[in-house]
N, C-alpha and C. Protein backbone atom coordinates (compact mmCIF):
# COMPACT_ATOMS: atom_id res chain seq x y z
N UNK A 1 -0.03 -41.97 9.08
CA UNK A 1 0.17 -42.06 10.14
C UNK A 1 -0.67 -40.82 10.94
N UNK A 2 -0.99 -40.97 12.11
CA UNK A 2 -1.10 -39.76 13.20
C UNK A 2 -0.66 -39.01 14.05
N UNK A 3 -0.11 -38.29 14.42
CA UNK A 3 0.87 -37.46 15.73
C UNK A 3 0.07 -37.81 16.48
N UNK A 4 0.49 -38.23 17.72
CA UNK A 4 -0.05 -38.25 19.14
C UNK A 4 -0.10 -36.80 19.52
N UNK A 5 1.31 -36.49 19.34
CA UNK A 5 2.17 -35.02 20.14
C UNK A 5 0.99 -34.10 19.63
N UNK A 6 1.08 -32.64 20.62
CA UNK A 6 0.14 -31.35 20.29
C UNK A 6 0.96 -30.86 19.29
N UNK A 7 0.03 -29.53 18.71
CA UNK A 7 0.62 -28.81 17.94
C UNK A 7 2.00 -28.07 18.53
N UNK A 8 2.69 -27.78 17.45
CA UNK A 8 4.27 -27.57 18.10
C UNK A 8 3.87 -25.90 18.29
N UNK A 9 3.86 -25.82 19.85
CA UNK A 9 3.97 -24.31 20.19
C UNK A 9 4.67 -23.27 20.14
N UNK A 10 5.86 -23.59 19.76
CA UNK A 10 6.58 -23.04 18.93
C UNK A 10 6.56 -22.15 17.83
N UNK A 11 5.59 -23.04 16.89
CA UNK A 11 5.12 -22.27 16.04
C UNK A 11 4.66 -21.23 16.16
N UNK A 12 3.68 -20.65 16.74
CA UNK A 12 2.52 -19.27 16.58
C UNK A 12 3.89 -18.57 17.22
N UNK A 13 4.43 -18.68 17.95
CA UNK A 13 6.08 -17.53 18.52
C UNK A 13 6.98 -17.35 17.66
N UNK A 14 7.08 -18.40 16.91
CA UNK A 14 7.53 -17.88 15.46
C UNK A 14 6.99 -17.10 14.85
N UNK A 15 5.86 -17.24 14.71
CA UNK A 15 5.22 -16.53 13.33
C UNK A 15 5.18 -15.24 13.71
N UNK A 16 4.94 -14.80 15.29
CA UNK A 16 4.04 -13.70 15.44
C UNK A 16 5.72 -12.79 15.41
N UNK A 17 6.78 -13.24 15.77
CA UNK A 17 7.84 -12.89 15.89
C UNK A 17 8.50 -12.42 14.50
N UNK A 18 8.27 -13.27 13.63
CA UNK A 18 8.32 -12.72 12.21
C UNK A 18 7.44 -11.63 11.30
N UNK A 19 6.29 -11.91 11.81
CA UNK A 19 5.55 -10.59 11.65
C UNK A 19 5.90 -9.20 12.58
N UNK A 20 6.04 -8.77 13.55
CA UNK A 20 6.56 -8.20 14.24
C UNK A 20 7.75 -7.48 13.78
N UNK A 21 9.05 -8.14 13.13
CA UNK A 21 9.93 -8.49 12.46
C UNK A 21 9.68 -7.34 10.85
N UNK A 22 8.90 -8.00 10.66
CA UNK A 22 8.28 -7.81 8.98
C UNK A 22 7.80 -6.33 9.10
N UNK A 23 7.07 -5.96 10.01
CA UNK A 23 6.05 -4.51 10.58
C UNK A 23 7.13 -3.66 11.11
N UNK A 24 7.79 -4.20 11.76
CA UNK A 24 9.36 -3.21 11.94
C UNK A 24 10.42 -2.81 10.48
N UNK A 25 10.50 -3.68 9.67
CA UNK A 25 10.90 -3.25 8.52
C UNK A 25 10.41 -2.26 7.71
N UNK A 26 8.70 -2.39 7.85
CA UNK A 26 7.94 -1.72 6.76
C UNK A 26 7.96 -0.29 7.42
N UNK A 27 8.04 -0.26 8.95
CA UNK A 27 8.10 1.22 9.27
C UNK A 27 9.13 1.75 9.08
N UNK A 28 10.46 0.96 9.39
CA UNK A 28 11.53 1.43 8.92
C UNK A 28 11.51 2.36 7.61
N UNK A 29 11.39 1.44 7.00
CA UNK A 29 11.36 1.94 5.35
C UNK A 29 10.81 3.06 5.39
N UNK A 30 9.56 3.22 5.70
CA UNK A 30 8.80 4.35 5.87
C UNK A 30 9.67 5.51 6.42
N UNK A 31 9.56 5.78 6.89
CA UNK A 31 10.79 6.74 8.21
C UNK A 31 11.86 7.23 6.90
N UNK A 32 12.24 6.16 6.32
CA UNK A 32 13.62 6.68 5.63
C UNK A 32 13.26 7.37 4.61
N UNK A 33 11.88 7.33 4.21
CA UNK A 33 11.14 7.71 2.81
C UNK A 33 10.65 9.50 3.38
N UNK A 34 10.63 9.45 5.22
CA UNK A 34 9.98 10.76 5.30
C UNK A 34 8.21 10.66 5.63
N UNK A 35 7.67 9.33 5.88
CA UNK A 35 6.47 8.91 5.70
C UNK A 35 6.56 8.81 6.80
N UNK A 36 6.59 9.42 7.68
CA UNK A 36 6.05 8.92 9.47
C UNK A 36 4.72 8.98 9.80
N UNK A 37 3.51 9.13 9.11
CA UNK A 37 2.33 9.15 8.99
C UNK A 37 2.33 7.23 9.09
N UNK A 38 3.12 7.11 7.91
CA UNK A 38 2.62 5.71 7.02
C UNK A 38 3.48 4.65 8.41
N UNK A 39 4.84 5.52 8.34
CA UNK A 39 5.64 4.29 9.52
C UNK A 39 4.85 4.02 10.84
N UNK A 40 4.16 5.54 11.67
CA UNK A 40 3.60 5.03 12.88
C UNK A 40 1.83 4.54 12.41
N UNK A 41 1.58 4.19 11.61
CA UNK A 41 0.44 3.53 11.04
C UNK A 41 0.94 1.93 11.19
N UNK A 42 2.47 1.62 10.43
CA UNK A 42 3.05 0.22 10.78
C UNK A 42 2.81 -0.08 12.04
N UNK A 43 3.75 0.24 12.97
CA UNK A 43 3.76 0.48 14.46
C UNK A 43 2.39 0.44 14.91
N UNK A 44 1.68 0.87 14.88
CA UNK A 44 0.28 0.92 15.83
C UNK A 44 0.02 -0.71 15.46
N UNK A 45 -0.05 -1.26 14.18
CA UNK A 45 -0.28 -2.70 14.50
C UNK A 45 0.28 -3.95 15.21
N UNK A 46 1.78 -3.37 15.98
CA UNK A 46 1.86 -4.26 17.00
C UNK A 46 0.89 -4.08 18.18
N UNK A 47 0.40 -3.41 18.72
CA UNK A 47 -0.50 -3.15 19.80
C UNK A 47 0.02 -2.16 20.62
N UNK A 48 -0.68 -2.05 21.44
CA UNK A 48 -0.19 -0.98 22.73
C UNK A 48 1.05 -1.50 23.20
N UNK A 49 2.01 -0.30 23.29
CA UNK A 49 3.46 -0.17 23.94
C UNK A 49 3.24 -0.12 25.46
N UNK A 50 4.03 -1.14 26.16
CA UNK A 50 4.16 -1.31 27.81
C UNK A 50 5.03 0.14 27.71
N UNK A 51 4.39 0.31 29.38
CA UNK A 51 5.55 1.40 29.90
C UNK A 51 6.38 1.05 30.39
N UNK A 52 7.69 1.10 30.20
CA UNK A 52 8.71 0.85 30.69
C UNK A 52 9.51 1.02 31.97
N UNK A 53 7.96 2.15 32.46
CA UNK A 53 8.70 2.53 34.27
C UNK A 53 7.49 1.13 34.72
N UNK A 54 6.86 0.36 34.11
CA UNK A 54 6.32 -0.85 35.32
C UNK A 54 7.23 -1.74 35.01
N UNK A 55 8.26 -1.83 34.42
CA UNK A 55 9.39 -3.13 34.40
C UNK A 55 9.97 -2.93 36.31
């Protein structure tokens, strides 16, 4: 049986949220070990940060 509905758009959003949570966890663990360069490299995977002043 073939679905006539498009792909679940929420799947991508949930996958991205899960990936971001995993990256935050890895960065947190690295920082707890005082491995700050490693923590920064994990956080860099999240992409550029927005400027809160632009909100």
